[in-house]
Protein backbone atom coordinates (compact mmCIF):
# COMPACT_ATOMS: atom_id res chain seq x y z
CA MET A 1 -0.84 -13.33 -25.50
CA ALA A 2 1.72 -11.65 -27.69
CA GLU A 3 4.23 -13.65 -29.64
CA ALA A 4 7.79 -13.37 -28.31
CA ALA A 5 10.01 -11.31 -30.58
CA ILE A 6 13.70 -10.56 -30.71
CA ARG A 7 14.07 -6.89 -29.93
CA LYS A 8 17.02 -4.59 -29.86
CA PRO A 9 16.92 -1.58 -27.54
CA PRO A 10 16.15 1.54 -29.56
CA ALA A 11 19.26 3.63 -30.10
CA ALA A 12 17.78 6.96 -29.07
CA ASP A 13 14.91 5.95 -26.75
CA THR A 14 16.14 5.77 -23.15
CA ARG A 15 12.66 5.76 -21.63
CA PRO A 16 12.64 3.11 -18.87
CA VAL A 17 10.80 -0.13 -19.52
CA VAL A 18 9.78 0.00 -15.87
CA ARG A 19 9.70 2.92 -13.46
CA MET A 20 8.78 2.53 -9.80
CA ASP A 21 8.38 5.90 -8.11
CA ALA A 22 8.17 6.66 -4.36
CA ILE A 23 6.99 3.14 -3.44
CA THR A 24 5.95 2.86 0.20
CA LYS A 25 4.85 -0.32 1.97
CA THR A 26 4.13 -0.83 5.66
CA PHE A 27 3.53 -4.08 7.50
CA PRO A 28 2.32 -4.15 11.12
CA GLY A 29 4.98 -2.34 13.09
CA VAL A 30 7.47 -2.16 10.20
CA LYS A 31 7.88 0.29 7.31
CA ALA A 32 9.42 -2.07 4.77
CA LEU A 33 9.75 0.58 2.02
CA ASP A 34 9.87 4.33 2.46
CA ALA A 35 9.42 6.22 -0.85
CA VAL A 36 11.77 3.94 -2.83
CA SER A 37 12.29 4.54 -6.56
CA LEU A 38 13.78 2.30 -9.24
CA ASP A 39 13.92 2.53 -13.03
CA VAL A 40 15.21 -0.03 -15.52
CA ARG A 41 16.09 0.81 -19.13
CA PRO A 42 15.70 -1.35 -22.24
CA GLY A 43 18.59 -3.80 -22.59
CA GLU A 44 20.00 -2.95 -19.14
CA VAL A 45 21.07 -5.29 -16.34
CA HIS A 46 20.26 -3.33 -13.19
CA ALA A 47 21.53 -4.64 -9.84
CA LEU A 48 19.26 -4.27 -6.81
CA LEU A 49 21.41 -4.49 -3.69
CA GLY A 50 21.14 -4.20 0.06
CA GLU A 51 21.49 -6.18 3.25
CA ASN A 52 18.81 -8.64 4.28
CA GLY A 53 15.90 -6.54 5.52
CA ALA A 54 16.79 -3.63 3.24
CA GLY A 55 13.52 -3.95 1.30
CA LYS A 56 14.65 -5.70 -1.89
CA SER A 57 12.21 -8.61 -1.61
CA THR A 58 9.29 -6.33 -0.78
CA LEU A 59 10.03 -4.11 -3.79
CA ILE A 60 10.24 -6.97 -6.28
CA LYS A 61 7.11 -8.62 -4.84
CA ILE A 62 5.23 -5.36 -5.43
CA LEU A 63 6.53 -5.31 -9.00
CA ALA A 64 5.50 -8.96 -9.38
CA GLY A 65 1.97 -8.32 -8.12
CA ALA A 66 2.44 -10.46 -4.99
CA TYR A 67 2.12 -7.39 -2.70
CA THR A 68 0.15 -4.18 -3.18
CA MET A 69 1.87 -0.88 -2.42
CA ASP A 70 0.50 1.63 0.08
CA SER A 71 1.51 4.55 -2.12
CA GLY A 72 3.64 5.35 -5.15
CA SER A 73 3.33 4.48 -8.82
CA ILE A 74 4.53 1.94 -11.38
CA GLU A 75 4.91 2.53 -15.11
CA ILE A 76 5.58 -0.07 -17.82
CA ASP A 77 6.71 1.54 -21.08
CA GLY A 78 5.39 4.87 -19.84
CA LYS A 79 1.91 3.58 -18.93
CA ASN A 80 0.65 3.57 -15.35
CA VAL A 81 -0.12 0.07 -14.09
CA SER A 82 -1.36 -1.49 -10.88
CA PHE A 83 -1.14 -5.24 -10.32
CA GLU A 84 -3.48 -7.22 -8.10
CA SER A 85 -1.82 -10.57 -8.80
CA PRO A 86 1.30 -12.14 -10.33
CA ALA A 87 -0.83 -13.18 -13.31
CA GLU A 88 -1.62 -9.53 -14.06
CA ALA A 89 2.06 -8.60 -13.77
CA LEU A 90 3.04 -11.42 -16.13
CA GLU A 91 0.41 -10.36 -18.66
CA ALA A 92 1.88 -6.84 -18.55
CA GLY A 93 5.36 -8.18 -19.31
CA VAL A 94 6.89 -8.47 -15.80
CA LYS A 95 8.37 -11.82 -14.82
CA VAL A 96 10.15 -12.55 -11.54
CA VAL A 97 12.37 -15.64 -11.35
CA PHE A 98 12.43 -16.20 -7.60
CA GLN A 99 15.22 -18.03 -5.80
CA GLU A 100 12.76 -20.85 -5.07
CA ILE A 101 11.60 -21.72 -8.58
CA ALA A 102 7.82 -22.02 -8.96
CA LEU A 103 7.28 -24.69 -11.60
CA ILE A 104 5.20 -27.88 -11.57
CA PRO A 105 7.70 -30.78 -11.54
CA GLU A 106 5.30 -33.32 -13.08
CA PHE A 107 4.49 -31.11 -16.08
CA THR A 108 6.59 -30.92 -19.23
CA VAL A 109 8.66 -27.89 -20.15
CA ALA A 110 6.08 -26.75 -22.72
CA GLU A 111 3.18 -27.22 -20.28
CA ASN A 112 4.94 -25.07 -17.67
CA ILE A 113 5.72 -22.31 -20.17
CA PHE A 114 2.11 -22.01 -21.34
CA MET A 115 0.57 -22.88 -17.99
CA GLU A 116 -1.86 -19.96 -17.87
CA ASN A 117 -2.84 -20.04 -21.54
CA HIS A 118 -2.53 -23.36 -23.36
CA PRO A 119 -2.98 -23.06 -27.16
CA ARG A 120 -6.34 -24.57 -28.08
CA GLY A 121 -7.83 -25.98 -31.26
CA ARG A 122 -11.23 -25.54 -32.85
CA LEU A 123 -13.08 -27.70 -30.30
CA GLY A 124 -11.47 -25.96 -27.33
CA LEU A 125 -9.07 -28.83 -26.66
CA VAL A 126 -5.40 -28.22 -25.87
CA ASP A 127 -3.38 -28.11 -29.09
CA TRP A 128 -0.31 -30.02 -27.91
CA ARG A 129 1.47 -29.82 -31.25
CA THR A 130 1.17 -26.03 -31.44
CA MET A 131 2.31 -25.74 -27.82
CA ARG A 132 5.49 -27.69 -28.53
CA GLU A 133 6.12 -25.71 -31.72
CA LYS A 134 5.75 -22.39 -29.90
CA ALA A 135 8.10 -23.59 -27.18
CA ARG A 136 10.72 -24.63 -29.75
CA ALA A 137 10.40 -21.25 -31.46
CA LEU A 138 11.08 -19.51 -28.15
CA PHE A 139 14.16 -21.68 -27.53
CA ASP A 140 15.50 -21.07 -31.04
CA ARG A 141 15.14 -17.30 -30.71
CA ALA A 142 16.75 -17.15 -27.27
CA GLY A 143 19.36 -19.85 -27.87
CA PHE A 144 18.12 -22.18 -25.11
CA ALA A 145 18.95 -25.90 -25.26
CA LEU A 146 15.67 -27.26 -23.90
CA ASP A 147 13.36 -30.11 -24.86
CA PRO A 148 9.68 -29.08 -24.83
CA ASP A 149 8.68 -32.63 -23.85
CA ALA A 150 11.14 -33.00 -20.95
CA ARG A 151 9.67 -33.40 -17.47
CA VAL A 152 10.61 -30.31 -15.44
CA GLY A 153 11.31 -32.38 -12.33
CA ASP A 154 14.13 -34.11 -14.21
CA LEU A 155 15.90 -30.84 -15.11
CA SER A 156 18.81 -29.20 -13.30
CA VAL A 157 18.28 -25.94 -11.42
CA SER A 158 19.91 -23.97 -14.23
CA GLN A 159 17.63 -25.60 -16.82
CA GLN A 160 14.57 -24.84 -14.68
CA GLN A 161 15.65 -21.20 -14.64
CA LEU A 162 15.61 -21.25 -18.44
CA VAL A 163 12.06 -22.57 -18.33
CA GLU A 164 11.07 -19.66 -16.06
CA ILE A 165 12.75 -17.20 -18.42
CA SER A 166 11.00 -18.84 -21.39
CA ARG A 167 7.68 -18.20 -19.65
CA ALA A 168 8.65 -14.52 -19.57
CA LEU A 169 9.46 -14.55 -23.29
CA ALA A 170 6.13 -16.22 -24.05
CA TYR A 171 4.43 -13.17 -22.51
CA ASP A 172 6.61 -10.73 -24.47
CA ALA A 173 8.41 -9.71 -21.29
CA ARG A 174 9.61 -6.15 -20.90
CA VAL A 175 11.43 -6.78 -17.61
CA VAL A 176 12.75 -9.94 -15.96
CA VAL A 177 13.71 -9.94 -12.28
CA MET A 178 16.25 -12.54 -11.14
CA ASP A 179 16.36 -13.13 -7.38
CA GLU A 180 19.67 -14.71 -6.27
CA PRO A 181 19.80 -16.72 -9.52
CA THR A 182 23.23 -18.29 -8.94
CA SER A 183 22.74 -19.49 -5.35
CA SER A 184 22.45 -23.15 -6.39
CA LEU A 185 24.50 -23.15 -9.60
CA THR A 186 27.92 -24.57 -10.40
CA PRO A 187 30.58 -22.22 -11.86
CA SER A 188 29.93 -23.53 -15.38
CA GLU A 189 26.17 -23.04 -14.93
CA VAL A 190 26.80 -19.47 -13.73
CA THR A 191 28.80 -18.80 -16.90
CA HIS A 192 25.93 -20.18 -18.98
CA LEU A 193 23.38 -18.07 -17.10
CA PHE A 194 25.40 -14.92 -17.75
CA GLY A 195 25.35 -15.79 -21.45
CA VAL A 196 21.55 -16.07 -21.25
CA ILE A 197 21.32 -12.70 -19.49
CA ARG A 198 23.41 -11.08 -22.21
CA ARG A 199 21.08 -12.52 -24.87
CA LEU A 200 18.07 -11.12 -23.02
CA ARG A 201 19.83 -7.76 -22.84
CA ASP A 202 20.44 -7.86 -26.59
CA MET A 203 16.70 -8.47 -27.07
CA GLY A 204 15.98 -5.15 -25.34
CA ILE A 205 14.62 -6.73 -22.15
CA GLY A 206 15.37 -4.95 -18.88
CA ILE A 207 16.89 -7.20 -16.20
CA VAL A 208 16.71 -6.56 -12.45
CA TYR A 209 19.48 -8.63 -10.85
CA VAL A 210 19.34 -9.31 -7.10
CA SER A 211 22.43 -10.90 -5.58
CA HIS A 212 24.66 -10.86 -2.49
CA LYS A 213 27.67 -11.83 -4.63
CA LEU A 214 29.42 -8.58 -5.42
CA GLU A 215 31.82 -10.12 -7.95
CA GLU A 216 28.78 -10.99 -10.09
CA ILE A 217 27.57 -7.39 -10.01
CA PHE A 218 30.80 -6.16 -11.54
CA GLU A 219 30.75 -8.87 -14.20
CA ILE A 220 27.18 -8.67 -15.48
CA CYS A 221 25.45 -5.45 -14.34
CA ASP A 222 25.30 -1.97 -15.90
CA ARG A 223 23.84 0.07 -13.02
CA ALA A 224 23.23 -0.60 -9.34
CA THR A 225 20.53 0.66 -6.98
CA VAL A 226 21.22 0.22 -3.27
CA LEU A 227 18.58 0.10 -0.54
CA ARG A 228 19.20 0.30 3.19
CA ASP A 229 16.59 -0.10 5.95
CA GLY A 230 13.75 0.32 3.44
CA ARG A 231 15.11 3.53 1.92
CA TRP A 232 16.79 4.38 -1.36
CA VAL A 233 20.52 5.10 -0.92
CA SER A 234 22.03 5.37 -4.41
CA THR A 235 21.73 4.58 -8.11
CA ARG A 236 24.99 4.69 -10.04
CA PRO A 237 26.69 3.01 -13.00
CA VAL A 238 28.56 -0.05 -11.78
CA ALA A 239 31.68 1.31 -13.49
CA GLU A 240 31.70 4.15 -10.93
CA HIS A 241 31.81 1.66 -8.02
CA ASP A 242 34.42 -0.56 -6.50
CA GLN A 243 33.63 -3.28 -3.99
CA GLN A 244 34.31 -1.01 -1.03
CA SER A 245 31.99 1.76 -2.25
CA LEU A 246 29.18 -0.75 -2.80
CA ILE A 247 29.66 -2.12 0.72
CA VAL A 248 29.60 1.38 2.21
CA ASP A 249 26.32 2.14 0.42
CA MET A 250 24.82 -1.18 1.54
CA VAL A 251 25.82 -1.27 5.21
CA GLY A 252 26.52 2.39 5.96
CA ARG A 253 30.09 1.73 7.01
CA SER A 254 33.37 0.56 5.58
CA ILE A 255 34.33 -3.08 6.06
CA GLU A 256 38.07 -2.75 5.72
CA ASP A 257 38.78 -6.46 5.57
CA LEU A 258 36.07 -9.04 4.99
CA PHE A 259 38.41 -11.90 5.81
CA PRO A 260 40.38 -12.27 9.06
CA LYS A 261 44.06 -12.91 8.37
CA THR A 262 44.82 -15.07 11.42
CA ARG A 263 46.32 -18.47 10.66
CA HIS A 264 45.31 -21.38 12.87
CA GLY A 265 46.10 -25.04 13.36
CA GLY A 266 48.78 -26.98 15.18
CA GLY A 267 46.66 -28.52 17.93
CA ASP A 268 45.86 -32.17 18.57
CA VAL A 269 43.84 -34.19 16.08
CA VAL A 270 40.14 -33.78 16.94
CA VAL A 271 38.42 -35.47 13.97
CA LYS A 272 39.90 -38.46 12.16
CA VAL A 273 38.15 -39.97 9.13
CA ALA A 274 39.43 -43.18 7.52
CA GLY A 275 38.12 -44.91 4.39
CA LEU A 276 34.68 -43.31 4.63
CA SER A 277 32.21 -44.47 1.98
CA THR A 278 28.46 -44.33 1.43
CA ARG A 279 26.31 -46.35 -0.93
CA SER A 280 25.16 -43.33 -2.91
CA LYS A 281 28.12 -40.95 -3.19
CA LEU A 282 31.28 -40.99 -1.04
CA GLN A 283 34.23 -43.22 -1.92
CA ASP A 284 37.09 -44.05 0.46
CA ILE A 285 37.59 -40.59 1.99
CA SER A 286 40.27 -40.08 4.64
CA PHE A 287 41.43 -36.89 6.42
CA GLU A 288 42.21 -35.36 9.81
CA VAL A 289 41.29 -32.02 11.39
CA ARG A 290 43.19 -30.51 14.30
CA ALA A 291 42.09 -28.28 17.15
CA GLY A 292 42.12 -24.65 16.05
CA GLU A 293 42.18 -25.50 12.34
CA VAL A 294 39.76 -24.53 9.55
CA LEU A 295 39.64 -27.29 6.94
CA GLY A 296 37.74 -26.06 3.90
CA PHE A 297 36.05 -28.49 1.50
CA PHE A 298 35.33 -27.48 -2.09
CA GLY A 299 33.58 -29.33 -4.90
CA LEU A 300 31.27 -28.67 -7.81
CA MET A 301 27.58 -29.48 -7.52
CA GLY A 302 27.15 -33.20 -6.91
CA ALA A 303 30.71 -33.66 -5.65
CA GLY A 304 29.53 -34.85 -2.23
CA ARG A 305 30.13 -31.90 0.10
CA THR A 306 26.73 -32.00 1.80
CA GLU A 307 26.73 -35.82 1.90
CA LEU A 308 30.09 -35.73 3.69
CA ALA A 309 28.89 -33.04 6.11
CA LYS A 310 25.85 -35.14 7.08
CA ALA A 311 27.84 -38.37 7.33
CA LEU A 312 30.30 -36.74 9.73
CA VAL A 313 27.55 -36.05 12.28
CA GLY A 314 25.60 -39.28 11.90
CA TYR A 315 22.77 -38.08 9.65
CA ASP A 316 23.64 -40.01 6.48
CA PRO A 317 24.47 -43.72 6.87
CA ILE A 318 27.93 -44.94 5.89
CA SER A 319 28.78 -48.24 4.20
CA ALA A 320 32.47 -48.40 5.13
CA GLY A 321 35.15 -46.58 7.07
CA SER A 322 35.34 -44.94 10.47
CA ILE A 323 35.00 -41.54 12.15
CA GLU A 324 36.69 -40.62 15.43
CA VAL A 325 36.07 -37.49 17.48
CA GLY A 326 38.60 -36.87 20.22
CA ASP A 327 39.93 -40.46 19.97
CA ALA A 328 36.43 -41.90 20.50
CA PRO A 329 34.67 -43.74 17.64
CA LEU A 330 31.42 -42.36 16.22
CA SER A 331 29.80 -45.73 16.86
CA PRO A 332 26.95 -46.27 16.68
CA HIS A 333 26.90 -43.95 13.69
CA ALA A 334 24.04 -41.74 14.87
CA THR A 335 23.35 -38.07 15.57
CA GLY A 336 22.92 -38.69 19.29
CA ARG A 337 26.38 -40.25 19.50
CA ALA A 338 27.88 -37.40 17.45
CA LYS A 339 26.33 -34.84 19.78
CA ALA A 340 27.66 -36.68 22.83
CA LEU A 341 31.17 -36.75 21.33
CA GLY A 342 31.03 -33.02 20.61
CA ILE A 343 30.60 -32.63 16.85
CA GLY A 344 27.67 -30.68 15.39
CA LEU A 345 26.40 -29.53 11.99
CA LEU A 346 25.32 -26.11 10.79
CA SER A 347 23.14 -27.29 7.90
CA GLU A 348 23.08 -25.75 4.42
CA ASP A 349 19.26 -25.70 4.54
CA ARG A 350 18.74 -23.86 7.81
CA LYS A 351 14.99 -23.44 7.36
CA GLU A 352 14.21 -27.11 6.69
CA GLU A 353 16.93 -28.81 8.73
CA GLY A 354 18.05 -26.35 11.40
CA LEU A 355 15.40 -23.94 12.60
CA MET A 356 12.06 -24.29 14.36
CA LEU A 357 10.57 -21.40 12.44
CA ASP A 358 7.57 -20.79 14.71
CA ALA A 359 9.58 -21.01 17.94
CA ASP A 360 11.26 -18.00 19.52
CA VAL A 361 14.93 -17.06 19.32
CA THR A 362 15.73 -18.32 22.81
CA ARG A 363 14.35 -21.84 22.29
CA ASN A 364 16.04 -22.16 18.88
CA MET A 365 19.33 -21.34 20.53
CA THR A 366 19.00 -23.50 23.67
CA LEU A 367 17.33 -26.60 22.18
CA PRO A 368 20.29 -29.05 22.46
CA SER A 369 21.16 -27.70 25.94
CA LEU A 370 17.71 -27.66 27.56
CA ALA A 371 18.64 -30.28 30.16
CA ARG A 372 21.20 -27.86 31.58
CA PHE A 373 18.46 -25.35 32.38
CA ALA A 374 16.13 -27.86 34.05
CA ARG A 375 15.43 -27.56 37.77
CA GLY A 376 13.29 -30.38 39.11
CA GLY A 377 11.96 -31.11 35.66
CA VAL A 378 11.07 -27.44 35.00
CA ILE A 379 13.01 -25.17 32.64
CA ASP A 380 14.58 -22.17 34.39
CA THR A 381 13.60 -19.66 31.70
CA ARG A 382 15.47 -16.80 33.37
CA ALA A 383 18.76 -18.72 33.23
CA GLU A 384 17.95 -19.84 29.68
CA LYS A 385 17.41 -16.28 28.49
CA THR A 386 20.46 -14.96 30.31
CA ARG A 387 22.62 -17.52 28.52
CA ALA A 388 20.98 -16.75 25.17
CA GLN A 389 21.49 -13.02 25.65
CA GLY A 390 25.21 -13.62 26.11
CA PHE A 391 25.45 -15.08 22.60
CA VAL A 392 23.23 -12.33 21.17
CA ASP A 393 25.74 -9.82 22.51
CA ARG A 394 28.78 -11.83 21.40
CA PHE A 395 27.66 -12.25 17.78
CA ARG A 396 25.76 -8.95 17.54
CA ILE A 397 22.53 -10.73 16.61
CA ARG A 398 19.99 -8.09 15.56
CA LEU A 399 16.58 -8.64 17.10
CA SER A 400 13.93 -6.76 19.02
CA SER A 401 13.39 -9.46 21.64
CA LEU A 402 14.54 -12.95 22.56
CA ASP A 403 10.85 -13.87 22.42
CA GLN A 404 10.32 -13.00 18.76
CA PRO A 405 9.83 -15.90 16.30
CA ILE A 406 13.05 -16.95 14.61
CA ARG A 407 11.36 -16.69 11.19
CA THR A 408 11.26 -12.88 11.58
CA LEU A 409 15.08 -12.58 11.69
CA SER A 410 17.21 -12.03 8.59
CA GLY A 411 19.11 -14.99 7.16
CA GLY A 412 22.41 -13.83 8.61
CA ASN A 413 20.98 -13.46 12.09
CA GLN A 414 19.28 -16.85 11.86
CA GLN A 415 22.64 -18.35 10.97
CA LYS A 416 24.26 -16.73 13.99
CA VAL A 417 21.53 -18.17 16.24
CA LEU A 418 22.29 -21.66 14.91
CA LEU A 419 26.01 -21.11 15.45
CA SER A 420 25.28 -19.99 19.01
CA ARG A 421 23.16 -23.12 19.54
CA TRP A 422 26.13 -25.42 19.10
CA LEU A 423 28.60 -23.25 20.95
CA MET A 424 26.24 -23.09 23.91
CA TYR A 425 26.11 -26.86 23.93
CA GLY A 426 29.90 -27.08 23.89
CA LEU A 427 31.62 -28.70 20.92
CA LYS A 428 35.05 -30.01 19.99
CA ALA A 429 34.32 -29.78 16.26
CA ILE A 430 31.75 -28.07 14.08
CA VAL A 431 30.78 -28.75 10.46
CA LEU A 432 29.62 -25.67 8.55
CA ASP A 433 27.78 -26.45 5.30
CA GLU A 434 27.58 -23.31 3.11
CA PRO A 435 27.54 -21.01 6.17
CA THR A 436 27.05 -17.79 4.21
CA ARG A 437 24.50 -18.93 1.59
CA GLY A 438 21.75 -16.35 1.11
CA ILE A 439 23.08 -13.74 3.55
CA ASP A 440 24.24 -10.20 2.87
CA VAL A 441 27.77 -8.84 2.82
CA GLY A 442 27.59 -7.26 6.29
CA ALA A 443 26.40 -10.50 7.88
CA LYS A 444 29.00 -12.43 5.89
CA ALA A 445 31.78 -10.37 7.43
CA GLU A 446 30.40 -11.17 10.88
CA ILE A 447 30.17 -14.89 10.08
CA PHE A 448 33.77 -14.84 8.84
CA THR A 449 34.84 -13.23 12.11
CA ALA A 450 32.87 -15.83 14.07
CA VAL A 451 34.54 -18.70 12.19
CA ASN A 452 37.91 -17.13 12.92
CA GLU A 453 37.04 -16.84 16.62
CA LEU A 454 35.89 -20.45 16.83
CA ALA A 455 39.20 -21.70 15.49
CA ALA A 456 41.11 -19.32 17.77
CA GLU A 457 39.27 -20.85 20.74
CA GLY A 458 40.44 -24.32 19.73
CA LEU A 459 37.51 -25.81 17.84
CA ALA A 460 38.16 -27.97 14.82
CA VAL A 461 36.19 -26.31 11.99
CA ILE A 462 35.16 -28.22 8.87
CA MET A 463 33.71 -25.80 6.31
CA MET A 464 31.93 -26.85 3.12
CA THR A 465 31.66 -23.96 0.67
CA SER A 466 31.19 -23.26 -3.03
CA GLU A 467 32.43 -19.67 -2.58
CA MET A 468 36.03 -19.50 -3.76
CA PRO A 469 36.99 -16.28 -1.89
CA GLU A 470 35.75 -17.77 1.40
CA LEU A 471 37.56 -21.02 0.72
CA LEU A 472 40.92 -19.40 -0.08
CA ASN A 473 40.83 -16.78 2.67
CA LEU A 474 39.34 -18.62 5.66
CA SER A 475 40.81 -22.12 5.32
CA ASP A 476 44.11 -23.27 6.78
CA ARG A 477 43.96 -26.27 4.47
CA ILE A 478 41.71 -26.97 1.50
CA ALA A 479 40.34 -30.39 0.54
CA VAL A 480 38.73 -30.92 -2.86
CA LEU A 481 35.99 -33.41 -3.71
CA ALA A 482 35.02 -34.65 -7.19
CA GLU A 483 32.26 -37.20 -7.76
CA GLY A 484 32.45 -38.41 -4.17
CA ARG A 485 36.24 -38.78 -4.10
CA LEU A 486 38.88 -36.73 -2.31
CA THR A 487 41.14 -35.59 -5.15
CA ALA A 488 43.52 -33.12 -3.47
CA VAL A 489 44.45 -31.41 -0.22
CA PHE A 490 46.28 -28.06 -0.35
CA ASP A 491 47.94 -25.97 2.30
CA ARG A 492 46.64 -22.40 2.39
CA ASP A 493 49.90 -20.99 1.02
CA GLU A 494 49.95 -23.24 -2.06
CA ALA A 495 46.24 -23.16 -2.95
CA THR A 496 45.08 -21.11 -5.92
CA GLN A 497 41.72 -20.92 -7.67
CA GLU A 498 43.20 -22.66 -10.71
CA LYS A 499 44.61 -25.57 -8.68
CA VAL A 500 41.37 -26.01 -6.74
CA LEU A 501 39.18 -25.98 -9.85
CA ASP A 502 41.54 -28.37 -11.64
CA ALA A 503 41.21 -30.84 -8.74
CA ALA A 504 37.42 -30.39 -8.73
CA ILE A 505 36.98 -31.58 -12.33
CA ARG A 506 39.25 -34.64 -12.23
């Protein structure tokens, strides 16, 4: 294993640190990549963009050694390579920091960094002192504030990312791939991560940056490669793009206005919350939501957004206060009662808490409403599918068949299935917890339109989001949480990013 070194990109040498040429990969019935090429230069942050299903994940998994390519070639520093495993890719200087971080929580920071190759002493035993010293040397060189002896399971997501990056430095990384690195970070943690990326760039390391957040691309990236439907579309300096041109490359069409401009509200009170508290987080929260209104909730990580979302629909127990839906109390405080009153939750973690991944699209959509399709104790599958097809058409859900497993759909289409599930059941109010997390810009625009339509049809919409543009553009009113408390409520016309952030750090 080579010692990590601080490197500056050579002034005259523009040879890519990694070149992927004409990469093709086919899965049964699907050509995931069709002759796709990508090159990354020393000290460059290179954005890899595209809608879900465009081929980004397949390409980086081939680079990481998780998949083998059908054809094409990969060069690292001008030398042809072929990886049979992630360990081989790491040894060659390629490290992928996936969205779902792959560390061992019970191990220390130093143990995770040197997982594959612990320093050993004369008798072949692990040299713990040398391991900690090497870890500290890595942190000093890269400017990371980490404790080699800290238990990884006790670290924040942003600190765990630094551990992953340190693993790359320990293998003298030539290229680091970051897959949606800010999806679970607070604004301050994002700022810190960008500082880390700039330090890696100054060390001559090539960065591949995968994100759906276009504002991040313009802030941190030098060039952008766009894929669409498994094919290469463009590679251009980010300075030559604006947001609209990136969207056109990604989705093949112009999205003139991501956010609907309709203003809602003014109906009767549908949800009334008074003095709501929980033992772990929420403290004396009170608010109302009217029919046809979008009430957006914002807060930094740990503020209590998800806890509030789950409490509103009976998932998380409450210690004080009351919730009313349509003048009826949510009592007993249980999910069955919430469903009967007409309030449902679109969970932040759709895979763990929303979807039945091995079931088909139809059953995922009709689950709460199955009793309505029963005839003599038998499900009328024709009526069930007819109803499901109506929502597929309404929300333009992209699928090959209603019978295909829900796990095969993109994140945006999965989210639209879950939205359809609750609308099919018939709700008075819906709670949306991070409704656009992990979905591409085209699907986001469709989700925004759907939220707008729900409010226009008279639903009370409660939306928890960490995305400031969504918050400011979709909400009729904005409520801000900080450490489990409601610190401010703004009307749409008076809300600004500065006011919202100020309320979020009180």
